[in-house]
């Protein structure tokens, strides 16, 4: 439930920020959020992916997909922590990724990891063996 709320709030905030970015690039909001169009588009795509994952819109959860989401979530968390530490020291990332962008990346990593750990992969369908199948008797229809 928490994943759904967090991802919905991030998506609800990403749309207006995406709309404001080209027109008001001098706004005080952009002290905390990057006004780069590429970063804004990536933030919106990340928010859409988090909402789709949180509301379980991907019905193809296999073991490989779970591991992919888990490892990409760990990658987002590690990158977010490293970028958060580096941006507080004033690195070249700070021109592109501001504080709230890094927090969004961290939250995306947490949502990916928790979703991958909580959702169970579907079991493989087993086929019944031919000996266990019972043949249905065929009844001839009478013609009147």
Protein backbone atom coordinates (compact mmCIF):
# COMPACT_ATOMS: atom_id res chain seq x y z
CA UNK A 1 0.00 0.00 0.00
CA UNK A 2 2.85 2.37 0.84
CA UNK A 3 4.46 1.74 -2.56
CA UNK A 4 1.22 2.74 -4.27
CA UNK A 5 0.92 5.98 -2.30
CA UNK A 6 4.56 7.02 -2.80
CA UNK A 7 4.59 6.26 -6.51
CA UNK A 8 1.25 8.01 -7.07
CA UNK A 9 2.45 11.15 -5.28
CA UNK A 10 5.68 11.20 -7.30
CA UNK A 11 3.71 10.79 -10.53
CA UNK A 12 1.25 13.53 -9.51
CA UNK A 13 4.18 15.87 -8.86
CA UNK A 14 6.09 14.89 -12.01
CA UNK A 15 3.39 16.05 -14.46
CA UNK A 16 3.16 19.70 -13.33
CA UNK A 17 6.93 19.95 -12.96
CA UNK A 18 7.28 18.64 -16.52
CA UNK A 19 4.82 21.32 -17.69
CA UNK A 20 6.55 24.14 -15.77
CA UNK A 21 10.08 23.26 -16.89
CA UNK A 22 10.14 24.97 -20.33
CA UNK A 23 8.26 28.12 -19.34
CA UNK A 24 9.58 29.02 -15.86
CA UNK A 25 13.18 27.90 -15.77
CA UNK A 26 14.02 30.78 -13.35
CA UNK A 27 11.58 29.61 -10.68
CA UNK A 28 12.83 28.95 -7.16
CA UNK A 29 11.54 25.38 -7.47
CA UNK A 30 14.50 24.56 -9.66
CA UNK A 31 16.93 25.09 -6.80
CA UNK A 32 15.85 21.62 -5.64
CA UNK A 33 14.73 19.99 -8.90
CA UNK A 34 16.62 19.97 -12.17
CA UNK A 35 15.13 22.00 -15.01
CA UNK A 36 16.91 19.95 -17.67
CA UNK A 37 14.33 18.59 -20.15
CA UNK A 38 16.04 15.20 -20.37
CA UNK A 39 16.07 14.81 -16.59
CA UNK A 40 12.40 15.89 -16.38
CA UNK A 41 11.44 13.32 -19.02
CA UNK A 42 13.44 10.60 -17.25
CA UNK A 43 11.78 11.56 -13.94
CA UNK A 44 8.34 11.23 -15.53
CA UNK A 45 9.21 7.87 -17.10
CA UNK A 46 10.56 6.63 -13.77
CA UNK A 47 7.37 7.75 -12.01
CA UNK A 48 5.19 5.99 -14.61
CA UNK A 49 7.24 2.81 -14.20
CA UNK A 50 6.93 2.98 -10.41
CA UNK A 51 3.15 3.38 -10.61
CA UNK A 52 2.86 0.50 -13.08
CA UNK A 53 4.99 -1.70 -10.86
CA UNK A 54 3.24 -0.71 -7.63
CA UNK A 55 -0.23 -1.39 -9.01
CA UNK A 56 1.02 -4.70 -10.48
CA UNK A 57 0.28 -3.79 -14.10
CA UNK A 58 3.09 -6.09 -15.24
CA UNK A 59 1.64 -9.60 -15.27
CA UNK A 60 4.82 -11.25 -16.47
CA UNK A 61 6.53 -11.68 -13.12
CA UNK A 62 8.89 -14.54 -13.66
CA UNK A 63 12.00 -15.35 -11.72
CA UNK A 64 14.14 -13.48 -14.25
CA UNK A 65 11.93 -10.37 -14.07
CA UNK A 66 12.02 -10.44 -10.27
CA UNK A 67 15.82 -10.62 -10.26
CA UNK A 68 16.01 -7.84 -12.85
CA UNK A 69 13.79 -5.55 -10.77
CA UNK A 70 15.68 -6.44 -7.59
CA UNK A 71 19.14 -5.75 -9.03
CA UNK A 72 18.04 -2.57 -10.81
CA UNK A 73 16.51 -1.41 -7.52
CA UNK A 74 19.80 -2.05 -5.74
CA UNK A 75 21.56 -0.14 -8.52
CA UNK A 76 19.20 2.83 -8.10
CA UNK A 77 19.75 2.82 -4.34
CA UNK A 78 23.54 2.71 -4.67
CA UNK A 79 23.53 5.41 -7.37
CA UNK A 80 21.15 7.57 -5.33
CA UNK A 81 23.30 7.30 -2.21
CA UNK A 82 26.48 8.05 -4.15
CA UNK A 83 24.89 10.99 -5.99
CA UNK A 84 23.41 12.30 -2.75
CA UNK A 85 26.79 12.30 -1.07
CA UNK A 86 28.51 13.78 -4.10
CA UNK A 87 25.91 16.49 -4.71
CA UNK A 88 26.17 17.73 -1.14
CA UNK A 89 29.89 18.24 -1.78
CA UNK A 90 29.21 20.07 -5.06
CA UNK A 91 30.01 17.76 -7.96
CA UNK A 92 29.30 18.06 -11.67
CA UNK A 93 26.17 15.93 -11.09
CA UNK A 94 24.61 18.88 -9.29
CA UNK A 95 24.03 20.69 -12.58
CA UNK A 96 21.86 17.81 -13.78
CA UNK A 97 20.59 16.01 -10.68
CA UNK A 98 19.40 18.14 -7.78
CA UNK A 99 18.37 17.01 -4.31
CA UNK A 100 14.78 15.97 -5.09
CA UNK A 101 15.89 14.14 -8.24
CA UNK A 102 18.28 12.06 -6.15
CA UNK A 103 15.51 11.40 -3.61
CA UNK A 104 13.24 10.24 -6.44
CA UNK A 105 15.94 7.83 -7.63
CA UNK A 106 16.33 6.48 -4.10
CA UNK A 107 12.58 6.01 -3.70
CA UNK A 108 12.41 4.28 -7.08
CA UNK A 109 15.11 1.87 -5.94
CA UNK A 110 13.26 1.13 -2.72
CA UNK A 111 9.99 0.56 -4.58
CA UNK A 112 11.67 -1.73 -7.14
CA UNK A 113 13.36 -3.80 -4.43
CA UNK A 114 10.31 -4.08 -2.20
CA UNK A 115 8.03 -4.97 -5.10
CA UNK A 116 10.45 -7.62 -6.33
CA UNK A 117 10.72 -9.10 -2.85
CA UNK A 118 6.99 -9.01 -2.03
CA UNK A 119 5.43 -10.25 -5.26
CA UNK A 120 5.56 -13.99 -5.77
CA UNK A 121 6.45 -15.39 -9.17
CA UNK A 122 3.74 -17.53 -10.73
CA UNK A 123 4.31 -21.25 -10.63
CA UNK A 124 5.00 -23.03 -13.87
CA UNK A 125 2.00 -24.81 -15.31
CA UNK A 126 2.35 -28.55 -15.18
CA UNK A 127 0.95 -30.76 -17.87
CA UNK A 128 -1.02 -33.80 -16.94
CA UNK A 129 0.45 -36.99 -18.18
CA UNK A 130 -1.36 -38.93 -20.87
CA UNK A 131 -2.01 -41.88 -18.56
CA UNK A 132 -3.91 -39.75 -16.06
CA UNK A 133 -6.22 -38.25 -18.63
CA UNK A 134 -9.46 -40.07 -18.87
CA UNK A 135 -10.99 -40.42 -22.24
CA UNK A 136 -14.59 -39.33 -22.35
CA UNK A 137 -16.89 -41.92 -23.84
CA UNK A 138 -18.28 -40.91 -27.18
CA UNK A 139 -21.98 -41.37 -27.59
CA UNK A 140 -23.39 -41.85 -31.04
CA UNK A 141 -26.37 -39.66 -31.76
CA UNK A 142 -29.49 -41.37 -33.01
CA UNK A 143 -31.00 -40.05 -36.12
CA UNK A 144 -34.76 -39.97 -36.12
